[in-house]
Each structure stands twice: as structure tokens, then as C-alpha cells.
Amino acid sequence: MRTFIAVLASASLLVACSEPEAPVVVEEEAEGTPFATDDDRVLYALGVALGEQLADFGLTEAELEFIASGFRDATLRAPYQVEMDVFGPQIQRFAEERMRAGREAAMAEQTAALATEKAASAAFADQIAAEPGAQRSVSGLIVVPVTEGTGEMPDASDTVTVHYHGTLRDGTVFDSSVERDSPASFPLSRVIPCWTEGVQKIRVGGKAKLLCPSEIAYGDGGTQGIPGGAALLFEVELIAIE
């Protein structure tokens, strides 16, 4: 028990004293705040540091009351309400069980979200496939011509210059050279498989929609701004083959 508490205390001090890894949202203090002095705020910060170490336990409001009661008794040297030699050694077991349950719940939530996204993306792909001129390949790629080009088609080994606009199925823009007003150049061998295959079907001067299923885009893991299992829709204009 002492080892667990020592680790908890040390981790809390590290959290309190180290720089945050990401920006922290700080709300302005409302009127009637309990903070009368800076010491009050420091004490609150101590509570935050301790609470962050327990966040993964998935505690309820009622369970927090038991923790607060034990914390209060220990801090004020009041008589303990349970046999510490019996229940103290169970803290580690309790922590491990709660953290494992939290991980399992998070994984289940991710699995459900992935299944939902895949189903919605499949329906979205079918919608794009129904557009005039749409062609669906064995890989699942759907190409919908927008403007026919008059130049050559690139090979997978070519470097191309394109303008593109990428959106999720709900219309959210996740990347766009059009919005940046800056065409992009890259080797077709070094992009997602959907682009390697799809851009080869566009002639220079032409424009097409590319519907990319997750299997030939960013897969079940997704990437920044793109959920796992998401189908992506690009509108690509092939400007030149380098």
C-alpha cells in the first residue's frame, strides 16, 4: 500500500510541477468563486494533480465521496473507518481492475465507432457510385469524371502536380490545396493507394472525383482529422506530369 501511495504522490508532484504536453483550457473564474487567495488556487491545483492520477479509474461521484472521506481522515489524523491492514493491500488490485475495465470499455467504444463509420462510408460510396459516369474498380476506388483532360495519363512511377480538395462523407474538409491556393507535387508511388490508382485515370487538364474506401486510404486506424474506417472524397485536377 505504501508503495502505491508513494508512487501516486510522486506522480502527482511531477504532474503539478511539469509543463503540460498540450494546451490546457482554463475557464475564467465566475462570481462567487471559492478562491479567495492564491493559496486557495494552489490547493485546488493540488487536487487537480491528484485527481488526474485517478482519472483512469472511472470513478463515480459516489465513489469519490468515499475517497474524499478517507483523504480527509488521513490528512486530519482522524480515526480510520476501515481496517487498513485488510483493505490497504487491496488498493493495487482495485486500481488494476478499474484501469483494465476502462481500457476494455474504450476498446469496445472504438470498435463500435469503427463499425458505424464503415457502414456509413459504404452507403456514401454507393451514393457516389450512382453518379453519372462513375466507375468502380476491384479495389473499391470510384472515379467520377468531372472535366475530361486532353493530355497524357500518368504512370505510377511519375511525379504529378495537382490541385485537390478532400472531404469526409459529411462534407468536412480535412485537406485542400485549393483552399491553400497552392498546387501540390508528389510521386504517385508515395501516396495512399487510392491516389496511386485514381490519378492514373485522369488526363492532364482533367478533373475527377475519387472516392477512396478506407481499405485503400487510411484503414481502420485513420489519421489526424480522419476517423478509422472513413471513406474519403477527393476532387482532383491533374495540372501536369513532371
Protein backbone atom coordinates (compact mmCIF):
# COMPACT_ATOMS: atom_id res chain seq x y z
CA MET A 1 0.00 0.00 0.00
CA ARG A 2 2.78 2.42 0.94
CA THR A 3 4.46 1.76 -2.41
CA PHE A 4 1.27 2.55 -4.30
CA ILE A 5 0.66 5.74 -2.32
CA ALA A 6 4.30 6.81 -2.74
CA VAL A 7 4.09 6.31 -6.50
CA LEU A 8 0.81 8.21 -6.60
CA ALA A 9 2.23 11.09 -4.60
CA SER A 10 5.38 11.28 -6.71
CA ALA A 11 3.40 11.21 -9.95
CA SER A 12 1.14 13.93 -8.63
CA LEU A 13 4.09 16.18 -7.83
CA LEU A 14 5.54 15.59 -11.28
CA VAL A 15 2.24 16.49 -12.91
CA ALA A 16 1.94 19.61 -10.81
CA CYS A 17 5.48 20.79 -11.50
CA SER A 18 5.99 19.82 -15.15
CA GLU A 19 4.97 21.68 -18.26
CA PRO A 20 1.70 20.38 -19.82
CA GLU A 21 2.11 18.39 -23.03
CA ALA A 22 -0.91 20.09 -24.62
CA PRO A 23 -2.69 23.41 -24.10
CA VAL A 24 -4.98 23.35 -21.08
CA VAL A 25 -8.34 25.09 -21.24
CA VAL A 26 -8.69 27.41 -18.27
CA GLU A 27 -12.12 28.84 -17.62
CA GLU A 28 -12.47 32.31 -16.16
CA GLU A 29 -13.44 32.34 -12.51
CA ALA A 30 -17.12 33.06 -12.09
CA GLU A 31 -18.55 35.39 -9.47
CA GLY A 32 -18.88 33.65 -6.11
CA THR A 33 -15.79 31.51 -6.72
CA PRO A 34 -14.47 29.73 -3.60
CA PHE A 35 -10.96 31.01 -4.34
CA ALA A 36 -10.23 33.95 -2.05
CA THR A 37 -6.44 33.79 -2.27
CA ASP A 38 -3.71 32.36 -4.45
CA ASP A 39 -3.12 29.69 -1.80
CA ASP A 40 -6.71 28.57 -2.39
CA ARG A 41 -5.93 28.22 -6.07
CA VAL A 42 -2.74 26.27 -5.33
CA LEU A 43 -4.71 23.88 -3.15
CA TYR A 44 -7.21 23.40 -5.95
CA ALA A 45 -4.29 22.73 -8.31
CA LEU A 46 -3.06 20.07 -5.86
CA GLY A 47 -6.49 18.45 -6.05
CA VAL A 48 -6.32 18.52 -9.85
CA ALA A 49 -2.86 16.89 -9.80
CA LEU A 50 -4.12 14.11 -7.52
CA GLY A 51 -7.33 13.71 -9.48
CA GLU A 52 -5.50 13.30 -12.78
CA GLN A 53 -3.79 10.23 -11.36
CA LEU A 54 -7.20 8.69 -10.61
CA ALA A 55 -8.93 9.70 -13.84
CA ASP A 56 -8.41 6.29 -15.46
CA PHE A 57 -10.20 4.53 -12.59
CA GLY A 58 -13.61 5.53 -13.94
CA LEU A 59 -14.83 6.60 -10.52
CA THR A 60 -18.40 7.70 -9.91
CA GLU A 61 -19.47 10.73 -7.88
CA ALA A 62 -20.49 8.41 -5.04
CA GLU A 63 -17.12 6.65 -5.06
CA LEU A 64 -15.32 9.99 -4.98
CA GLU A 65 -17.12 10.72 -1.71
CA PHE A 66 -15.50 7.64 -0.13
CA ILE A 67 -12.09 8.75 -1.38
CA ALA A 68 -12.68 12.25 -0.04
CA SER A 69 -13.69 10.79 3.33
CA GLY A 70 -10.54 8.70 3.58
CA PHE A 71 -8.38 11.59 2.39
CA ARG A 72 -9.91 13.87 4.99
CA ASP A 73 -9.44 11.38 7.87
CA ALA A 74 -5.80 10.70 6.94
CA THR A 75 -4.95 14.36 6.49
CA LEU A 76 -6.59 15.44 9.75
CA ARG A 77 -5.24 12.44 11.68
CA ALA A 78 -8.78 11.30 12.45
CA PRO A 79 -9.57 7.65 13.29
CA TYR A 80 -9.78 5.46 10.20
CA GLN A 81 -13.17 3.94 9.43
CA VAL A 82 -11.84 0.68 7.90
CA GLU A 83 -9.10 -1.79 8.81
CA MET A 84 -6.16 -0.53 6.76
CA ASP A 85 -4.19 -3.76 7.19
CA VAL A 86 -7.08 -5.58 5.49
CA PHE A 87 -8.19 -3.11 2.82
CA GLY A 88 -4.99 -1.17 2.22
CA PRO A 89 -3.27 -4.05 0.40
CA GLN A 90 -6.29 -4.28 -1.94
CA ILE A 91 -5.70 -0.83 -3.41
CA GLN A 92 -3.33 -2.10 -6.11
CA ARG A 93 -5.76 -4.85 -7.13
CA PHE A 94 -8.63 -2.36 -7.26
CA ALA A 95 -6.58 0.07 -9.37
CA GLU A 96 -5.56 -2.62 -11.86
CA GLU A 97 -9.12 -3.91 -12.23
CA ARG A 98 -10.56 -0.44 -12.77
CA MET A 99 -7.89 0.55 -15.28
CA ARG A 100 -8.34 -2.72 -17.17
CA ALA A 101 -12.10 -2.19 -17.26
CA GLY A 102 -11.54 1.32 -18.55
CA ARG A 103 -9.29 0.09 -21.35
CA GLU A 104 -11.79 -2.60 -22.32
CA ALA A 105 -14.64 -0.09 -22.37
CA ALA A 106 -12.59 2.27 -24.53
CA MET A 107 -11.75 -0.53 -26.96
CA ALA A 108 -15.41 -1.56 -27.17
CA GLU A 109 -16.37 2.03 -27.88
CA GLN A 110 -13.73 2.30 -30.59
CA THR A 111 -14.88 -0.96 -32.17
CA ALA A 112 -18.49 0.23 -32.24
CA ALA A 113 -17.49 3.60 -33.68
CA LEU A 114 -15.41 1.88 -36.38
CA ALA A 115 -18.32 -0.37 -37.38
CA THR A 116 -20.67 2.61 -37.55
CA GLU A 117 -18.22 4.62 -39.66
CA LYS A 118 -17.62 1.73 -42.05
CA ALA A 119 -21.35 1.18 -42.58
CA ALA A 120 -21.96 4.89 -43.19
CA SER A 121 -18.95 5.10 -45.50
CA ALA A 122 -20.15 2.11 -47.51
CA ALA A 123 -23.53 3.80 -48.01
CA PHE A 124 -21.76 7.01 -49.01
CA ALA A 125 -19.63 5.11 -51.54
CA ASP A 126 -22.76 3.59 -53.08
CA GLN A 127 -24.22 7.07 -53.39
CA ILE A 128 -21.13 8.32 -55.27
CA ALA A 129 -21.10 5.17 -57.44
CA ALA A 130 -24.61 6.06 -58.62
CA GLU A 131 -23.46 9.38 -60.12
CA PRO A 132 -23.35 9.63 -63.95
CA GLY A 133 -20.12 8.25 -65.44
CA ALA A 134 -18.93 6.71 -62.17
CA GLN A 135 -16.67 3.67 -62.44
CA ARG A 136 -15.84 1.35 -59.56
CA SER A 137 -12.67 -0.74 -59.66
CA VAL A 138 -11.87 -4.05 -57.94
CA SER A 139 -10.06 -2.19 -55.15
CA GLY A 140 -13.23 -0.25 -54.32
CA LEU A 141 -11.98 3.01 -55.83
CA ILE A 142 -14.74 5.02 -57.50
CA VAL A 143 -13.80 7.54 -60.20
CA VAL A 144 -16.34 10.09 -61.38
CA PRO A 145 -15.14 12.25 -64.31
CA VAL A 146 -15.81 15.98 -63.85
CA THR A 147 -13.82 17.50 -66.72
CA GLU A 148 -12.14 15.47 -69.45
CA GLY A 149 -8.48 16.33 -69.99
CA THR A 150 -6.67 16.34 -73.31
CA GLY A 151 -3.16 15.40 -72.17
CA GLU A 152 -1.48 12.17 -71.21
CA MET A 153 -2.29 9.92 -68.28
CA PRO A 154 0.46 9.44 -65.69
CA ASP A 155 2.08 6.17 -64.67
CA ALA A 156 2.54 5.01 -61.10
CA SER A 157 6.23 5.96 -61.29
CA ASP A 158 5.51 9.56 -62.35
CA THR A 159 5.58 12.73 -60.28
CA VAL A 160 2.48 14.85 -60.79
CA THR A 161 1.25 18.34 -59.97
CA VAL A 162 -2.36 18.54 -58.86
CA HIS A 163 -4.96 20.70 -57.23
CA TYR A 164 -7.22 18.76 -54.88
CA HIS A 165 -9.97 19.16 -52.31
CA GLY A 166 -10.52 16.37 -49.76
CA THR A 167 -13.64 15.91 -47.64
CA LEU A 168 -15.19 13.34 -45.32
CA ARG A 169 -18.62 11.91 -46.05
CA ASP A 170 -20.27 14.70 -44.05
CA GLY A 171 -18.53 17.39 -46.09
CA THR A 172 -15.84 18.22 -43.52
CA VAL A 173 -12.71 19.42 -45.30
CA PHE A 174 -9.60 17.65 -43.98
CA ASP A 175 -7.09 18.76 -46.64
CA SER A 176 -7.26 21.07 -49.64
CA SER A 177 -4.61 22.56 -51.91
CA VAL A 178 -7.47 24.56 -53.42
CA GLU A 179 -8.12 26.33 -50.11
CA ARG A 180 -4.39 26.91 -49.68
CA ASP A 181 -4.26 28.21 -53.28
CA SER A 182 -1.10 26.16 -53.78
CA PRO A 183 -0.91 23.12 -56.11
CA ALA A 184 0.90 20.07 -54.77
CA SER A 185 3.56 17.94 -56.47
CA PHE A 186 4.44 14.40 -55.40
CA PRO A 187 5.42 10.97 -56.76
CA LEU A 188 2.38 8.75 -57.29
CA SER A 189 4.34 5.90 -55.73
CA ARG A 190 4.45 7.69 -52.36
CA VAL A 191 0.78 8.46 -51.69
CA ILE A 192 -2.18 6.40 -50.47
CA PRO A 193 -3.07 3.51 -52.83
CA CYS A 194 -6.32 5.23 -53.80
CA TRP A 195 -4.38 8.15 -55.24
CA THR A 196 -1.77 5.97 -56.92
CA GLU A 197 -4.56 4.16 -58.75
CA GLY A 198 -7.00 7.02 -59.21
CA VAL A 199 -4.77 9.79 -60.54
CA GLN A 200 -3.57 7.41 -63.26
CA LYS A 201 -7.12 7.52 -64.62
CA ILE A 202 -7.07 11.31 -65.14
CA ARG A 203 -5.58 13.03 -68.20
CA VAL A 204 -3.58 16.22 -67.84
CA GLY A 205 -6.02 19.13 -67.80
CA GLY A 206 -8.79 16.92 -66.49
CA LYS A 207 -10.59 16.76 -63.18
CA ALA A 208 -12.31 13.85 -61.42
CA LYS A 209 -13.82 12.81 -58.13
CA LEU A 210 -12.04 9.97 -56.35
CA LEU A 211 -13.99 8.09 -53.70
CA CYS A 212 -11.47 6.24 -51.55
CA PRO A 213 -12.69 3.44 -49.26
CA SER A 214 -10.71 3.20 -46.04
CA GLU A 215 -9.05 -0.02 -47.23
CA ILE A 216 -7.07 1.96 -49.82
CA ALA A 217 -6.84 5.16 -47.78
CA TYR A 218 -6.02 5.28 -44.04
CA GLY A 219 -7.54 2.00 -42.90
CA ASP A 220 -9.07 1.22 -39.54
CA GLY A 221 -6.58 3.40 -37.70
CA GLY A 222 -7.35 6.63 -39.54
CA THR A 223 -5.04 9.60 -39.14
CA GLN A 224 -5.21 13.16 -37.89
CA GLY A 225 -8.62 14.57 -38.76
CA ILE A 226 -9.74 11.30 -40.41
CA PRO A 227 -11.64 8.65 -38.38
CA GLY A 228 -10.76 4.99 -38.70
CA GLY A 229 -12.77 3.26 -41.41
CA ALA A 230 -13.66 6.54 -43.13
CA ALA A 231 -14.24 6.80 -46.87
CA LEU A 232 -12.68 9.92 -48.38
CA LEU A 233 -13.87 12.00 -51.30
CA PHE A 234 -11.35 13.96 -53.33
CA GLU A 235 -11.85 16.27 -56.27
CA VAL A 236 -8.56 16.16 -58.15
CA GLU A 237 -7.38 18.30 -61.08
CA LEU A 238 -4.28 16.97 -62.83
CA ILE A 239 -2.22 20.01 -63.81
CA ALA A 240 0.95 18.40 -65.10
CA ILE A 241 3.16 15.32 -65.21
CA GLU A 242 6.66 16.32 -64.16
